[in-house]
C-alpha atoms as a PDB file:
ATOM      1  CA  MET A   1     -20.518   7.003   2.608  1.00  0.00           C
ATOM      2  CA  GLY A   2     -21.385   4.426   5.211  1.00  0.00           C
ATOM      3  CA  ILE A   3     -19.098   2.254   7.269  1.00  0.00           C
ATOM      4  CA  PHE A   4     -19.948  -0.843   5.224  1.00  0.00           C
ATOM      5  CA  THR A   5     -19.034   0.901   1.970  1.00  0.00           C
ATOM      6  CA  THR A   6     -15.722   1.891   3.514  1.00  0.00           C
ATOM      7  CA  ILE A   7     -15.039  -1.656   4.677  1.00  0.00           C
ATOM      8  CA  LYS A   8     -15.917  -3.080   1.250  1.00  0.00           C
ATOM      9  CA  SER A   9     -13.515  -0.671  -0.465  1.00  0.00           C
ATOM     10  CA  ALA A  10     -10.561  -1.485   1.836  1.00  0.00           C
ATOM     11  CA  PRO A  11      -9.175  -4.275  -0.412  1.00  0.00           C
ATOM     12  CA  LYS A  12      -9.141  -1.834  -3.340  1.00  0.00           C
ATOM     13  CA  PHE A  13      -7.061   0.578  -1.243  1.00  0.00           C
ATOM     14  CA  PHE A  14      -4.519  -2.124  -0.422  1.00  0.00           C
ATOM     15  CA  GLU A  15      -4.301  -3.080  -4.108  1.00  0.00           C
ATOM     16  CA  LEU A  16      -2.803   0.372  -4.712  1.00  0.00           C
ATOM     17  CA  PHE A  17       0.340  -0.721  -2.866  1.00  0.00           C
ATOM     18  CA  GLN A  18       1.080  -3.239  -5.622  1.00  0.00           C
ATOM     19  CA  GLU A  19       3.734  -2.417  -8.155  1.00  0.00           C
ATOM     20  CA  GLY A  20       2.157  -1.128 -11.363  1.00  0.00           C
ATOM     21  CA  LYS A  21      -0.986   0.255  -9.683  1.00  0.00           C
ATOM     22  CA  GLU A  22      -1.824   3.880  -8.943  1.00  0.00           C
ATOM     23  CA  LEU A  23      -4.767   6.138  -8.225  1.00  0.00           C
ATOM     24  CA  ALA A  24      -6.759   7.216 -11.257  1.00  0.00           C
ATOM     25  CA  ASN A  25      -6.218  10.895 -10.404  1.00  0.00           C
ATOM     26  CA  ALA A  26      -2.664  10.643  -9.056  1.00  0.00           C
ATOM     27  CA  THR A  27      -1.711  14.187 -10.098  1.00  0.00           C
ATOM     28  CA  THR A  28      -4.488  15.681  -7.983  1.00  0.00           C
ATOM     29  CA  TRP A  29      -3.504  13.624  -4.955  1.00  0.00           C
ATOM     30  CA  LYS A  30       0.181  14.516  -5.344  1.00  0.00           C
ATOM     31  CA  SER A  31      -0.690  18.208  -5.579  1.00  0.00           C
ATOM     32  CA  ARG A  32      -2.844  17.981  -2.458  1.00  0.00           C
ATOM     33  CA  THR A  33      -0.070  16.199  -0.577  1.00  0.00           C
ATOM     34  CA  VAL A  34       2.446  18.909  -1.463  1.00  0.00           C
ATOM     35  CA  ALA A  35      -0.032  21.647  -0.486  1.00  0.00           C
ATOM     36  CA  THR A  36      -0.742  19.946   2.849  1.00  0.00           C
ATOM     37  CA  ASN A  37       2.984  19.632   3.570  1.00  0.00           C
ATOM     38  CA  CYS A  38       3.421  23.351   2.877  1.00  0.00           C
ATOM     39  CA  VAL A  39       0.536  24.305   5.165  1.00  0.00           C
ATOM     40  CA  VAL A  40       1.819  22.083   8.000  1.00  0.00           C
ATOM     41  CA  ALA A  41       5.340  23.515   7.668  1.00  0.00           C
ATOM     42  CA  PHE A  42       3.977  27.081   7.575  1.00  0.00           C
ATOM     43  CA  LEU A  43       1.821  26.573  10.686  1.00  0.00           C
ATOM     44  CA  ALA A  44       4.690  24.935  12.565  1.00  0.00           C
ATOM     45  CA  THR A  45       6.924  27.876  11.672  1.00  0.00           C
ATOM     46  CA  LEU A  46       4.289  30.348  12.843  1.00  0.00           C
ATOM     47  CA  VAL A  47       3.951  28.607  16.197  1.00  0.00           C
ATOM     48  CA  GLY A  48       7.727  28.549  16.635  1.00  0.00           C
ATOM     49  CA  LEU A  49       8.180  32.197  15.673  1.00  0.00           C
ATOM     50  CA  SER A  50       5.227  33.465  17.697  1.00  0.00           C
ATOM     51  CA  LYS A  51       7.015  32.902  20.998  1.00  0.00           C
ATOM     52  CA  THR A  52      10.116  34.577  19.591  1.00  0.00           C
ATOM     53  CA  PHE A  53       8.133  37.725  18.846  1.00  0.00           C
ATOM     54  CA  GLY A  54       6.393  37.793  22.216  1.00  0.00           C
ATOM     55  CA  TYR A  55       3.061  36.147  21.477  1.00  0.00           C
ATOM     56  CA  ASP A  56       2.296  33.750  24.264  1.00  0.00           C
ATOM     57  CA  ILE A  57       0.548  30.621  23.130  1.00  0.00           C
ATOM     58  CA  ALA A  58      -0.985  28.819  26.078  1.00  0.00           C
ATOM     59  CA  LEU A  59       1.163  25.753  25.506  1.00  0.00           C
ATOM     60  CA  ASP A  60       4.366  24.861  27.273  1.00  0.00           C
ATOM     61  CA  ASP A  61       7.479  23.868  25.342  1.00  0.00           C
ATOM     62  CA  GLN A  62       7.051  20.168  26.100  1.00  0.00           C
ATOM     63  CA  THR A  63       3.493  20.153  24.694  1.00  0.00           C
ATOM     64  CA  ILE A  64       4.582  22.021  21.563  1.00  0.00           C
ATOM     65  CA  GLN A  65       7.422  19.531  21.050  1.00  0.00           C
ATOM     66  CA  GLY A  66       5.023  16.630  21.515  1.00  0.00           C
ATOM     67  CA  LEU A  67       2.607  18.093  18.978  1.00  0.00           C
ATOM     68  CA  ALA A  68       5.466  18.665  16.552  1.00  0.00           C
ATOM     69  CA  VAL A  69       6.684  15.086  16.873  1.00  0.00           C
ATOM     70  CA  GLY A  70       3.142  13.805  16.338  1.00  0.00           C
ATOM     71  CA  ALA A  71       2.660  16.021  13.287  1.00  0.00           C
ATOM     72  CA  VAL A  72       5.960  14.863  11.787  1.00  0.00           C
ATOM     73  CA  ALA A  73       5.011  11.214  12.358  1.00  0.00           C
ATOM     74  CA  VAL A  74       1.576  11.628  10.741  1.00  0.00           C
ATOM     75  CA  VAL A  75       2.892  13.658   7.800  1.00  0.00           C
ATOM     76  CA  GLY A  76       5.725  11.175   7.263  1.00  0.00           C
ATOM     77  CA  ALA A  77       3.362   8.198   7.232  1.00  0.00           C
ATOM     78  CA  VAL A  78       0.900   9.919   4.893  1.00  0.00           C
ATOM     79  CA  ASN A  79       3.743  10.956   2.562  1.00  0.00           C
ATOM     80  CA  ALA A  80       5.022   7.381   2.388  1.00  0.00           C
ATOM     81  CA  VAL A  81       1.565   6.063   1.514  1.00  0.00           C
ATOM     82  CA  MET A  82       0.923   8.825  -1.027  1.00  0.00           C
ATOM     83  CA  HIS A  83       4.239   8.224  -2.795  1.00  0.00           C
ATOM     84  CA  ILE A  84       3.415   4.564  -3.213  1.00  0.00           C
ATOM     85  CA  ILE A  85      -0.231   4.816  -4.259  1.00  0.00           C
ATOM     86  CA  THR A  86       0.298   7.665  -6.733  1.00  0.00           C
ATOM     87  CA  SER A  87       3.020   6.018  -8.805  1.00  0.00           C
ATOM     88  CA  LYS A  88       3.025   2.892 -10.957  1.00  0.00           C
ATOM     89  CA  ARG A  89       6.801   2.608 -10.670  1.00  0.00           C
ATOM     90  CA  VAL A  90       6.961   1.894  -6.941  1.00  0.00           C
ATOM     91  CA  GLY A  91       5.219  -0.621  -4.741  1.00  0.00           C
ATOM     92  CA  VAL A  92       5.372  -4.180  -3.586  1.00  0.00           C
ATOM     93  CA  PRO A  93       5.825  -6.709  -6.382  1.00  0.00           C
ATOM     94  CA  THR A  94       2.537  -8.541  -6.861  1.00  0.00           C
ATOM     95  CA  ASP A  95       3.943 -12.046  -6.637  1.00  0.00           C
ATOM     96  CA  THR A  96       5.476 -11.453  -3.191  1.00  0.00           C
ATOM     97  CA  TRP A  97       2.352 -10.573  -1.257  1.00  0.00           C
ATOM     98  CA  VAL A  98      -0.786 -11.468  -3.189  1.00  0.00           C
ATOM     99  CA  PRO A  99      -1.338 -15.188  -3.581  1.00  0.00           C
ATOM    100  CA  ASN A 100      -3.066 -16.211  -6.829  1.00  0.00           C
ATOM    101  CA  ALA A 101      -2.515 -12.748  -8.289  1.00  0.00           C
ATOM    102  CA  GLN A 102      -3.183 -12.249 -11.970  1.00  0.00           C
ATOM    103  CA  ARG A 103       0.023 -12.027 -13.955  1.00  0.00           C
END
């Protein structure tokens, strides 16, 4: 998939934020989102517990905290997007943000 194909499909992605729209395979995407959240939580727990049990990871506490904050921010943003684009019941009403939208 080239860069131009990606750019051309961007408006279709933003259409998913409209109320009443959702991905065609929303169940698959929701399952993947839940699985990713579980993996991220598991890895974060492993990193936190490793120091407790004497395994020294070559990262200081400040770096680990920074990585954790970054991971939480990314996961939170992705979760928000996934909740909107995988459900027809949530989203921005069409008439408030798409001029000349079909009704």
